[in-house]
Each structure stands twice: as structure tokens, then as C-alpha cells.
N, C-alpha and C. Protein backbone atom coordinates (compact mmCIF):
# COMPACT_ATOMS: atom_id res chain seq x y z
N MET A 1 76.45 -110.42 -146.24
CA MET A 1 76.75 -109.00 -146.10
C MET A 1 78.01 -108.88 -145.25
N ILE A 2 78.89 -108.02 -145.70
CA ILE A 2 80.14 -107.76 -144.99
C ILE A 2 80.27 -106.26 -144.78
N VAL A 3 80.69 -105.87 -143.58
CA VAL A 3 80.89 -104.46 -143.26
C VAL A 3 82.26 -104.27 -142.64
N ARG A 4 82.76 -103.04 -142.70
CA ARG A 4 84.02 -102.68 -142.06
C ARG A 4 83.76 -101.55 -141.08
N CYS A 5 84.26 -101.70 -139.86
CA CYS A 5 84.07 -100.69 -138.82
C CYS A 5 84.86 -99.44 -139.16
N ARG A 6 84.15 -98.32 -139.27
CA ARG A 6 84.80 -97.04 -139.58
C ARG A 6 84.87 -96.13 -138.36
N ALA A 7 84.13 -96.50 -137.31
CA ALA A 7 84.15 -95.74 -136.06
C ALA A 7 83.61 -96.65 -134.96
N THR A 8 84.12 -96.48 -133.76
CA THR A 8 83.66 -97.31 -132.65
C THR A 8 82.55 -96.63 -131.84
N LYS A 9 82.31 -95.37 -132.14
CA LYS A 9 81.26 -94.60 -131.48
C LYS A 9 80.80 -93.52 -132.46
N PRO A 10 79.51 -93.25 -132.56
CA PRO A 10 79.06 -92.21 -133.48
C PRO A 10 79.42 -90.82 -132.99
N SER A 11 79.61 -89.91 -133.93
CA SER A 11 79.78 -88.51 -133.56
C SER A 11 78.45 -88.02 -133.00
N ASN A 12 78.47 -86.88 -132.35
CA ASN A 12 77.22 -86.31 -131.83
C ASN A 12 76.21 -86.08 -132.94
N GLU A 13 76.68 -85.63 -134.11
CA GLU A 13 75.81 -85.38 -135.25
C GLU A 13 75.21 -86.68 -135.77
N GLU A 14 76.05 -87.72 -135.90
CA GLU A 14 75.56 -89.03 -136.37
C GLU A 14 74.55 -89.61 -135.38
N ALA A 15 74.84 -89.49 -134.10
CA ALA A 15 73.93 -90.02 -133.07
C ALA A 15 72.58 -89.32 -133.16
N ALA A 16 72.59 -88.00 -133.29
CA ALA A 16 71.34 -87.25 -133.36
C ALA A 16 70.54 -87.64 -134.61
N ALA A 17 71.21 -87.75 -135.75
CA ALA A 17 70.53 -88.08 -137.01
C ALA A 17 69.99 -89.50 -137.02
N ALA A 18 70.68 -90.41 -136.34
CA ALA A 18 70.28 -91.83 -136.37
C ALA A 18 69.45 -92.24 -135.16
N GLY A 19 69.08 -91.31 -134.30
CA GLY A 19 68.26 -91.64 -133.13
C GLY A 19 68.99 -92.49 -132.11
N ILE A 20 70.31 -92.29 -131.99
CA ILE A 20 71.11 -93.08 -131.05
C ILE A 20 71.20 -92.34 -129.73
N ASP A 21 70.87 -93.04 -128.66
CA ASP A 21 70.94 -92.47 -127.32
C ASP A 21 72.04 -93.20 -126.56
N LEU A 22 73.24 -92.61 -126.50
CA LEU A 22 74.38 -93.24 -125.85
C LEU A 22 74.35 -93.10 -124.33
N GLY A 23 73.59 -92.16 -123.83
CA GLY A 23 73.59 -91.92 -122.39
C GLY A 23 75.00 -91.57 -121.94
N GLU A 24 75.47 -92.21 -120.90
CA GLU A 24 76.81 -91.94 -120.36
C GLU A 24 77.86 -92.94 -120.85
N MET A 25 77.48 -93.80 -121.80
CA MET A 25 78.41 -94.84 -122.25
C MET A 25 79.48 -94.25 -123.16
N SER A 26 80.73 -94.62 -122.94
CA SER A 26 81.82 -94.08 -123.74
C SER A 26 82.18 -94.99 -124.92
N ALA A 27 82.12 -96.29 -124.76
CA ALA A 27 82.44 -97.22 -125.85
C ALA A 27 81.53 -98.44 -125.72
N PRO A 28 80.26 -98.30 -126.11
CA PRO A 28 79.28 -99.32 -125.78
C PRO A 28 79.19 -100.54 -126.70
N TYR A 29 79.92 -100.55 -127.81
CA TYR A 29 79.63 -101.58 -128.80
C TYR A 29 80.67 -102.69 -128.90
N GLY A 30 81.85 -102.54 -128.34
CA GLY A 30 82.85 -103.59 -128.41
C GLY A 30 83.42 -103.82 -129.79
N LEU A 31 83.48 -102.78 -130.59
CA LEU A 31 83.97 -102.89 -131.97
C LEU A 31 85.48 -102.68 -132.05
N THR A 32 86.05 -103.22 -133.12
CA THR A 32 87.46 -103.00 -133.42
C THR A 32 87.54 -102.15 -134.67
N LEU A 33 88.11 -100.96 -134.54
CA LEU A 33 88.23 -100.03 -135.66
C LEU A 33 88.99 -100.68 -136.81
N GLY A 34 88.42 -100.61 -138.01
CA GLY A 34 89.05 -101.16 -139.20
C GLY A 34 88.76 -102.63 -139.43
N LYS A 35 88.15 -103.30 -138.48
CA LYS A 35 87.87 -104.73 -138.63
C LYS A 35 86.70 -104.95 -139.57
N THR A 36 86.79 -106.02 -140.34
CA THR A 36 85.71 -106.44 -141.22
C THR A 36 84.88 -107.49 -140.51
N TYR A 37 83.56 -107.34 -140.56
CA TYR A 37 82.64 -108.24 -139.88
C TYR A 37 81.66 -108.87 -140.87
N VAL A 38 81.39 -110.15 -140.69
CA VAL A 38 80.28 -110.80 -141.38
C VAL A 38 79.02 -110.41 -140.61
N VAL A 39 78.03 -109.89 -141.31
CA VAL A 39 76.79 -109.47 -140.66
C VAL A 39 75.93 -110.71 -140.44
N LEU A 40 75.53 -110.92 -139.18
CA LEU A 40 74.70 -112.06 -138.83
C LEU A 40 73.22 -111.76 -139.04
N GLY A 41 72.87 -110.46 -139.06
CA GLY A 41 71.49 -110.05 -139.24
C GLY A 41 71.37 -108.55 -139.10
N LEU A 42 70.18 -108.05 -139.33
CA LEU A 42 69.88 -106.63 -139.24
C LEU A 42 68.69 -106.42 -138.32
N THR A 43 68.71 -105.33 -137.56
CA THR A 43 67.61 -104.97 -136.68
C THR A 43 67.24 -103.52 -136.95
N PHE A 44 65.95 -103.24 -136.94
CA PHE A 44 65.45 -101.88 -137.15
C PHE A 44 64.60 -101.50 -135.94
N PRO A 45 65.28 -100.92 -134.91
CA PRO A 45 64.57 -100.57 -133.67
C PRO A 45 63.45 -99.56 -133.91
N ARG A 46 62.39 -99.70 -133.13
CA ARG A 46 61.22 -98.83 -133.26
C ARG A 46 61.39 -97.51 -132.55
N VAL A 47 62.22 -97.49 -131.50
CA VAL A 47 62.37 -96.28 -130.69
C VAL A 47 63.86 -95.95 -130.53
N PRO A 48 64.20 -94.68 -130.32
CA PRO A 48 65.60 -94.32 -130.09
C PRO A 48 66.18 -95.13 -128.92
N SER A 49 67.39 -95.59 -129.11
CA SER A 49 68.06 -96.41 -128.10
C SER A 49 69.55 -96.38 -128.38
N LEU A 50 70.27 -97.24 -127.72
CA LEU A 50 71.70 -97.39 -127.96
C LEU A 50 71.97 -97.79 -129.41
N LEU A 51 71.00 -98.45 -130.06
CA LEU A 51 71.16 -98.88 -131.45
C LEU A 51 70.63 -97.87 -132.45
N GLY A 52 69.92 -96.86 -131.98
CA GLY A 52 69.36 -95.87 -132.89
C GLY A 52 68.11 -96.40 -133.57
N THR A 53 67.67 -95.69 -134.59
CA THR A 53 66.47 -96.10 -135.34
C THR A 53 66.75 -96.26 -136.83
N ASP A 54 68.00 -96.10 -137.24
CA ASP A 54 68.37 -96.21 -138.66
C ASP A 54 68.80 -97.61 -139.06
N GLY A 55 68.80 -98.52 -138.14
CA GLY A 55 69.22 -99.89 -138.43
C GLY A 55 70.50 -100.22 -137.69
N ALA A 56 70.59 -101.47 -137.30
CA ALA A 56 71.76 -101.96 -136.58
C ALA A 56 72.15 -103.31 -137.15
N ILE A 57 73.45 -103.59 -137.12
CA ILE A 57 73.90 -104.90 -137.55
C ILE A 57 74.06 -105.80 -136.32
N THR A 58 73.91 -107.08 -136.56
CA THR A 58 74.20 -108.09 -135.56
C THR A 58 75.51 -108.74 -135.98
N TYR A 59 76.45 -108.85 -135.04
CA TYR A 59 77.79 -109.37 -135.35
C TYR A 59 78.32 -110.13 -134.16
N THR A 60 79.51 -110.70 -134.30
CA THR A 60 80.17 -111.36 -133.18
C THR A 60 81.65 -111.03 -133.19
N GLU A 61 82.23 -111.00 -132.02
CA GLU A 61 83.68 -110.84 -131.87
C GLU A 61 84.32 -112.19 -131.53
N ASN A 62 83.50 -113.20 -131.33
CA ASN A 62 83.99 -114.54 -130.99
C ASN A 62 82.99 -115.54 -131.55
N ASP A 63 82.92 -116.71 -131.03
CA ASP A 63 81.99 -117.68 -131.60
C ASP A 63 80.87 -118.06 -130.64
N TRP A 64 80.53 -117.19 -129.71
CA TRP A 64 79.48 -117.56 -128.78
C TRP A 64 78.69 -116.37 -128.24
N TYR A 65 78.92 -115.18 -128.70
CA TYR A 65 78.25 -114.01 -128.14
C TYR A 65 77.82 -113.08 -129.26
N ILE A 66 76.53 -112.78 -129.30
CA ILE A 66 75.97 -111.90 -130.33
C ILE A 66 75.96 -110.46 -129.83
N LEU A 67 76.43 -109.56 -130.66
CA LEU A 67 76.46 -108.13 -130.34
C LEU A 67 75.70 -107.37 -131.43
N GLN A 68 75.32 -106.14 -131.12
CA GLN A 68 74.70 -105.28 -132.11
C GLN A 68 75.29 -103.89 -132.03
N ALA A 69 75.33 -103.22 -133.17
CA ALA A 69 75.83 -101.86 -133.24
C ALA A 69 75.13 -101.13 -134.39
N PRO A 70 74.98 -99.81 -134.27
CA PRO A 70 74.31 -99.04 -135.32
C PRO A 70 75.05 -99.14 -136.66
N LEU A 71 74.29 -99.25 -137.72
CA LEU A 71 74.85 -99.35 -139.07
C LEU A 71 75.71 -98.14 -139.42
N VAL A 72 75.43 -96.98 -138.83
CA VAL A 72 76.17 -95.76 -139.13
C VAL A 72 77.67 -95.89 -138.81
N LEU A 73 78.05 -96.88 -138.00
CA LEU A 73 79.46 -97.06 -137.63
C LEU A 73 80.25 -97.88 -138.65
N PHE A 74 79.60 -98.28 -139.74
CA PHE A 74 80.23 -99.19 -140.69
C PHE A 74 80.15 -98.68 -142.12
N ASP A 75 81.13 -99.11 -142.92
CA ASP A 75 81.06 -99.00 -144.36
C ASP A 75 80.65 -100.38 -144.86
N VAL A 76 79.73 -100.43 -145.80
CA VAL A 76 79.30 -101.71 -146.34
C VAL A 76 80.30 -102.14 -147.41
N VAL A 77 80.91 -103.29 -147.19
CA VAL A 77 81.91 -103.83 -148.12
C VAL A 77 81.22 -104.69 -149.18
N ASP A 78 80.27 -105.51 -148.76
CA ASP A 78 79.51 -106.37 -149.65
C ASP A 78 78.05 -106.28 -149.23
N PRO A 79 77.18 -105.68 -150.07
CA PRO A 79 75.80 -105.43 -149.65
C PRO A 79 74.83 -106.60 -149.83
N ARG A 80 75.30 -107.74 -150.31
CA ARG A 80 74.38 -108.84 -150.58
C ARG A 80 73.73 -109.37 -149.30
N MET A 81 72.42 -109.50 -149.33
CA MET A 81 71.67 -110.05 -148.20
C MET A 81 71.87 -111.56 -148.15
N SER A 82 71.91 -112.10 -146.96
CA SER A 82 72.10 -113.53 -146.80
C SER A 82 70.83 -114.31 -147.17
N SER A 83 71.02 -115.45 -147.80
CA SER A 83 69.89 -116.34 -148.08
C SER A 83 69.44 -117.05 -146.81
N LYS A 84 70.19 -116.93 -145.73
CA LYS A 84 69.88 -117.58 -144.45
C LYS A 84 68.96 -116.74 -143.58
N TRP A 85 68.64 -115.52 -144.00
CA TRP A 85 67.87 -114.60 -143.20
C TRP A 85 66.38 -114.67 -143.52
N VAL A 86 65.56 -114.40 -142.51
CA VAL A 86 64.12 -114.25 -142.69
C VAL A 86 63.69 -112.98 -141.96
N LEU A 87 62.56 -112.45 -142.36
CA LEU A 87 62.01 -111.23 -141.76
C LEU A 87 61.10 -111.60 -140.61
N GLY A 88 61.24 -110.89 -139.50
CA GLY A 88 60.37 -111.13 -138.34
C GLY A 88 60.49 -109.99 -137.35
N ARG A 89 59.94 -110.20 -136.17
CA ARG A 89 60.03 -109.22 -135.09
C ARG A 89 60.64 -109.89 -133.87
N ASN A 90 61.50 -109.13 -133.17
CA ASN A 90 62.07 -109.66 -131.93
C ASN A 90 61.08 -109.47 -130.79
N GLN A 91 61.47 -109.82 -129.59
CA GLN A 91 60.57 -109.75 -128.43
C GLN A 91 60.19 -108.31 -128.06
N LEU A 92 60.97 -107.33 -128.54
CA LEU A 92 60.65 -105.92 -128.30
C LEU A 92 59.73 -105.34 -129.38
N GLY A 93 59.47 -106.13 -130.42
CA GLY A 93 58.64 -105.67 -131.52
C GLY A 93 59.41 -105.00 -132.63
N ASP A 94 60.75 -105.00 -132.55
CA ASP A 94 61.57 -104.41 -133.61
C ASP A 94 61.57 -105.33 -134.82
N VAL A 95 61.58 -104.75 -136.01
CA VAL A 95 61.71 -105.54 -137.23
C VAL A 95 63.15 -106.03 -137.34
N CYS A 96 63.29 -107.32 -137.61
CA CYS A 96 64.62 -107.93 -137.70
C CYS A 96 64.71 -108.81 -138.94
N ILE A 97 65.88 -108.89 -139.49
CA ILE A 97 66.19 -109.82 -140.57
C ILE A 97 67.33 -110.66 -140.04
N TRP A 98 67.00 -111.87 -139.59
CA TRP A 98 67.94 -112.74 -138.88
C TRP A 98 67.80 -114.18 -139.38
N PRO A 99 68.76 -115.03 -139.04
CA PRO A 99 68.54 -116.46 -139.22
C PRO A 99 67.34 -116.88 -138.37
N PRO A 100 66.53 -117.83 -138.83
CA PRO A 100 65.31 -118.19 -138.11
C PRO A 100 65.51 -118.54 -136.64
N SER A 101 66.56 -119.24 -136.30
CA SER A 101 66.72 -119.66 -134.91
C SER A 101 66.97 -118.49 -133.96
N PHE A 102 67.47 -117.35 -134.46
CA PHE A 102 67.71 -116.18 -133.62
C PHE A 102 66.42 -115.65 -133.01
N PHE A 103 65.27 -116.00 -133.60
CA PHE A 103 63.98 -115.53 -133.10
C PHE A 103 63.44 -116.39 -131.94
N ALA A 104 64.10 -117.49 -131.65
CA ALA A 104 63.65 -118.36 -130.55
C ALA A 104 63.67 -117.58 -129.24
N GLU A 105 62.73 -117.88 -128.38
CA GLU A 105 62.63 -117.17 -127.11
C GLU A 105 63.94 -117.29 -126.32
N PHE A 106 64.47 -116.17 -125.91
CA PHE A 106 65.69 -116.06 -125.10
C PHE A 106 66.93 -116.64 -125.79
N TYR A 107 66.92 -116.69 -127.13
CA TYR A 107 68.07 -117.24 -127.86
C TYR A 107 69.36 -116.53 -127.45
N HIS A 108 69.36 -115.21 -127.51
CA HIS A 108 70.57 -114.44 -127.24
C HIS A 108 71.05 -114.63 -125.80
N ASP A 109 70.12 -114.64 -124.85
CA ASP A 109 70.49 -114.84 -123.45
C ASP A 109 71.04 -116.24 -123.22
N ARG A 110 70.37 -117.23 -123.77
CA ARG A 110 70.81 -118.61 -123.59
C ARG A 110 72.15 -118.86 -124.27
N LEU A 111 72.37 -118.21 -125.41
CA LEU A 111 73.66 -118.35 -126.09
C LEU A 111 74.78 -117.77 -125.22
N SER A 112 74.56 -116.57 -124.69
CA SER A 112 75.60 -115.94 -123.87
C SER A 112 75.81 -116.69 -122.56
N ASP A 113 74.81 -117.46 -122.13
CA ASP A 113 74.95 -118.29 -120.93
C ASP A 113 75.66 -119.61 -121.23
N GLY A 114 75.96 -119.86 -122.51
CA GLY A 114 76.70 -121.06 -122.87
C GLY A 114 75.86 -122.30 -123.12
N ASP A 115 74.57 -122.13 -123.41
CA ASP A 115 73.70 -123.28 -123.71
C ASP A 115 74.33 -124.09 -124.85
N PRO A 116 74.70 -125.36 -124.60
CA PRO A 116 75.40 -126.17 -125.61
C PRO A 116 74.64 -126.31 -126.93
N GLU A 117 73.31 -126.46 -126.85
CA GLU A 117 72.51 -126.59 -128.07
C GLU A 117 72.59 -125.33 -128.91
N LEU A 118 72.51 -124.17 -128.25
CA LEU A 118 72.56 -122.92 -128.99
C LEU A 118 73.97 -122.59 -129.46
N LEU A 119 74.99 -122.96 -128.69
CA LEU A 119 76.36 -122.78 -129.15
C LEU A 119 76.58 -123.54 -130.45
N GLU A 120 76.10 -124.76 -130.51
CA GLU A 120 76.24 -125.56 -131.73
C GLU A 120 75.48 -124.90 -132.88
N ASP A 121 74.25 -124.45 -132.62
CA ASP A 121 73.45 -123.79 -133.64
C ASP A 121 74.14 -122.52 -134.13
N PHE A 122 74.62 -121.70 -133.19
CA PHE A 122 75.26 -120.45 -133.57
C PHE A 122 76.52 -120.68 -134.39
N ARG A 123 77.33 -121.62 -133.97
CA ARG A 123 78.57 -121.91 -134.71
C ARG A 123 78.26 -122.42 -136.12
N ARG A 124 77.21 -123.21 -136.26
CA ARG A 124 76.79 -123.69 -137.58
C ARG A 124 76.35 -122.52 -138.45
N ILE A 125 75.49 -121.66 -137.90
CA ILE A 125 75.00 -120.50 -138.66
C ILE A 125 76.15 -119.59 -139.05
N TYR A 126 77.03 -119.31 -138.10
CA TYR A 126 78.16 -118.42 -138.38
C TYR A 126 79.04 -119.01 -139.50
N ALA A 127 79.32 -120.29 -139.43
CA ALA A 127 80.12 -120.94 -140.47
C ALA A 127 79.43 -120.84 -141.83
N GLU A 128 78.12 -121.03 -141.86
CA GLU A 128 77.37 -120.91 -143.12
C GLU A 128 77.44 -119.49 -143.67
N LEU A 129 77.31 -118.49 -142.79
CA LEU A 129 77.38 -117.10 -143.25
C LEU A 129 78.78 -116.75 -143.74
N VAL A 130 79.80 -117.22 -143.06
CA VAL A 130 81.18 -116.98 -143.50
C VAL A 130 81.38 -117.58 -144.88
N THR A 131 80.95 -118.83 -145.07
CA THR A 131 81.10 -119.50 -146.36
C THR A 131 80.28 -118.80 -147.44
N GLU A 132 79.05 -118.43 -147.12
CA GLU A 132 78.18 -117.75 -148.08
C GLU A 132 78.79 -116.44 -148.58
N ASN A 133 79.57 -115.79 -147.73
CA ASN A 133 80.20 -114.53 -148.09
C ASN A 133 81.54 -114.72 -148.80
N GLY A 134 81.84 -115.96 -149.17
CA GLY A 134 83.05 -116.23 -149.94
C GLY A 134 84.31 -116.30 -149.12
N LEU A 135 84.16 -116.44 -147.82
CA LEU A 135 85.31 -116.56 -146.95
C LEU A 135 85.48 -118.04 -146.60
N HIS A 136 86.70 -118.45 -146.36
CA HIS A 136 86.93 -119.85 -146.03
C HIS A 136 86.85 -120.12 -144.53
N SER A 137 87.11 -119.09 -143.75
CA SER A 137 87.00 -119.22 -142.30
C SER A 137 86.93 -117.82 -141.70
N ALA A 138 86.56 -117.78 -140.44
CA ALA A 138 86.47 -116.49 -139.76
C ALA A 138 87.84 -115.84 -139.65
N SER A 139 88.93 -116.62 -139.78
CA SER A 139 90.26 -116.05 -139.69
C SER A 139 90.57 -115.14 -140.88
N ASN A 140 89.76 -115.23 -141.96
CA ASN A 140 89.93 -114.33 -143.09
C ASN A 140 89.42 -112.93 -142.79
N ILE A 141 88.74 -112.77 -141.68
CA ILE A 141 88.18 -111.49 -141.31
C ILE A 141 89.19 -110.81 -140.39
N ALA A 142 89.86 -109.82 -140.92
CA ALA A 142 90.96 -109.21 -140.18
C ALA A 142 90.85 -107.71 -140.15
N VAL A 143 91.58 -107.11 -139.26
CA VAL A 143 91.67 -105.65 -139.20
C VAL A 143 92.48 -105.19 -140.41
N THR A 144 91.95 -104.19 -141.10
CA THR A 144 92.66 -103.66 -142.27
C THR A 144 92.94 -102.20 -142.10
């Protein structure tokens, strides 16, 4: 699945419709307007939050840190679901469609802390998703 960022923050109307609670945050997602992202997974939060309740994509801006943002901020460029994804629940009980290793306890925290084992796993998964989406490398993903 490939998406293109169409907004870095939802409008008030989009936020209300999607159950997004931004609080006082002005730019909470770290997105680049116009950039195309390979989707690493999907999350469907159970309660209103920064991600809303309409679904959120999991993405990266580098090769070692997983981010999430509401789907409402993107146009879907390629809707095909990854063969690398499985259905499960995260530690908060949200329904997620992620690569299996993303469900490991504290995966996201350990990855952002630089755990070498998880860095290797994440880079392998990311490379597989890039290839599966018909891209030759992450450098093909550019701002348009």
C-alpha cells in the first residue's frame, strides 16, 4: 500500500468526523506534505485519540523509527494490502494489520531505542515492503 500526504494536520471538520483529538499539538505527525509513503501497517484505534478512530497508517521517515498518522491525511496511491501483514491487536487493544514482529512486546519502544536486533528486523521488513510495492529502494519515494 502506498499513500501520498495531502495534509500535515486535519482540518477541524476532518478531526471531528474522524474522532481525532489534537489537543494543543500544532504539527503532531512529522509528515512531509506531498511525500509518498510505503505503508508499514494499519491501526484502527478503539477510542478517540491523536490517531482518531477512522484508521491510521504506520510509516517511517527514516529507517529506524515507526510513526503513525490518521488515514484522513493521505490520498491512497496504491490500495493493495501487503502480503506481509497479519491481523491482531496491539497492547492497547486496538485492531492492527501489521507485520508479525511489530506485535512483539515493546517492539516500537525498543526499535526507537536502537535495539540492534529490532533495527535489523525493521530494515528487512521495510525493504520487503518497498520491493513488494514495486519500488527498487526507499529513494524512489519522493516529494511530488
